[in-house]
Protein backbone atom coordinates (compact mmCIF):
# COMPACT_ATOMS: atom_id res chain seq x y z
CA MET A 1 3.09 0.76 -1.02
CA ALA A 2 -0.47 -1.25 -2.62
CA ARG A 3 -0.70 -2.78 0.47
CA SER A 4 0.03 0.15 3.03
CA VAL A 5 -2.84 1.55 1.30
CA ALA A 6 -5.12 -1.21 1.15
CA LYS A 7 -4.23 -1.62 5.01
CA LEU A 8 -5.46 2.01 5.64
CA LEU A 9 -8.91 1.56 3.75
CA ALA A 10 -9.34 -0.33 6.12
CA HIS A 11 -9.62 2.24 8.58
CA PRO A 12 -11.08 4.99 8.38
CA GLY A 13 -10.76 6.42 11.61
CA ILE A 14 -7.37 7.15 11.39
CA TRP A 15 -7.68 8.83 7.17
CA LEU A 16 -7.49 12.34 8.61
CA THR A 17 -4.28 11.44 11.01
CA ALA A 18 -3.28 9.88 7.48
CA LEU A 19 -3.60 12.66 5.83
CA ARG A 20 -2.21 15.37 8.42
CA VAL A 21 0.80 13.30 9.19
CA GLY A 22 1.68 12.67 5.17
CA TRP A 23 1.35 16.47 4.84
CA ARG A 24 3.93 16.33 8.16
CA LEU A 25 5.98 14.43 6.09
CA ARG A 26 6.01 16.11 2.63
CA VAL A 27 9.53 16.90 2.84
CA PHE A 28 10.87 13.50 2.70
CA PRO A 29 13.29 12.95 5.91
CA ASP A 30 16.98 12.37 5.32
CA PRO A 31 17.93 9.38 3.85
CA ALA A 32 20.74 8.40 6.51
CA TYR A 33 17.61 8.94 9.17
CA LEU A 34 15.22 6.46 7.76
CA LYS A 35 17.67 4.14 7.12
CA PHE A 36 18.35 4.23 10.87
CA ARG A 37 14.90 4.03 11.60
CA MET A 38 14.61 0.60 9.50
CA VAL A 39 17.85 -0.35 11.27
CA THR A 40 16.28 0.68 14.59
CA MET A 41 12.61 -0.96 13.84
CA TYR A 42 13.73 -3.89 11.46
CA GLY A 43 16.79 -4.57 11.86
CA ASP A 44 17.41 -4.09 8.46
CA ALA A 45 18.80 -0.17 6.79
CA HIS A 46 16.91 -1.55 3.37
CA ALA A 47 13.54 -2.97 5.22
CA GLN A 48 10.01 -1.50 4.02
CA PRO A 49 8.02 -0.55 6.44
CA ARG A 50 4.88 -3.27 7.05
CA PRO A 51 1.03 -2.13 6.02
CA ASP A 52 0.47 -3.35 9.78
CA ASP A 53 3.22 -0.84 11.23
CA LEU A 54 1.67 2.02 9.77
CA VAL A 55 -1.64 1.23 11.23
CA THR A 56 -0.47 1.15 14.08
CA TYR A 57 2.14 4.17 14.18
CA LEU A 58 -1.37 6.27 12.68
CA GLN A 59 -2.66 5.67 15.74
CA TRP A 60 -0.68 6.14 17.97
CA CYS A 61 -0.35 9.54 15.95
CA LYS A 62 -4.23 9.88 16.45
CA ALA A 63 -3.74 9.07 20.24
CA TRP A 64 -1.55 11.58 20.71
CA GLU A 65 -2.81 14.45 19.19
CA GLN A 66 -6.21 13.99 21.17
CA ALA A 67 -4.17 13.57 23.98
CA ARG A 68 -3.56 17.21 23.40
């Protein structure tokens, strides 16, 4: 988690997006869904999201919000 936060701090252009996404995810998704997502992304149900992937996802979210 600390590595993800450090990576995020290096990208101030997505801080607001990170707050909005965090707010939407405040109700934690079903554990079965999270395992499914980790399997589809990393091939392992117990994998942890990589910091670079978090930044990429937030950049995508920001672009999606701007396109709406």
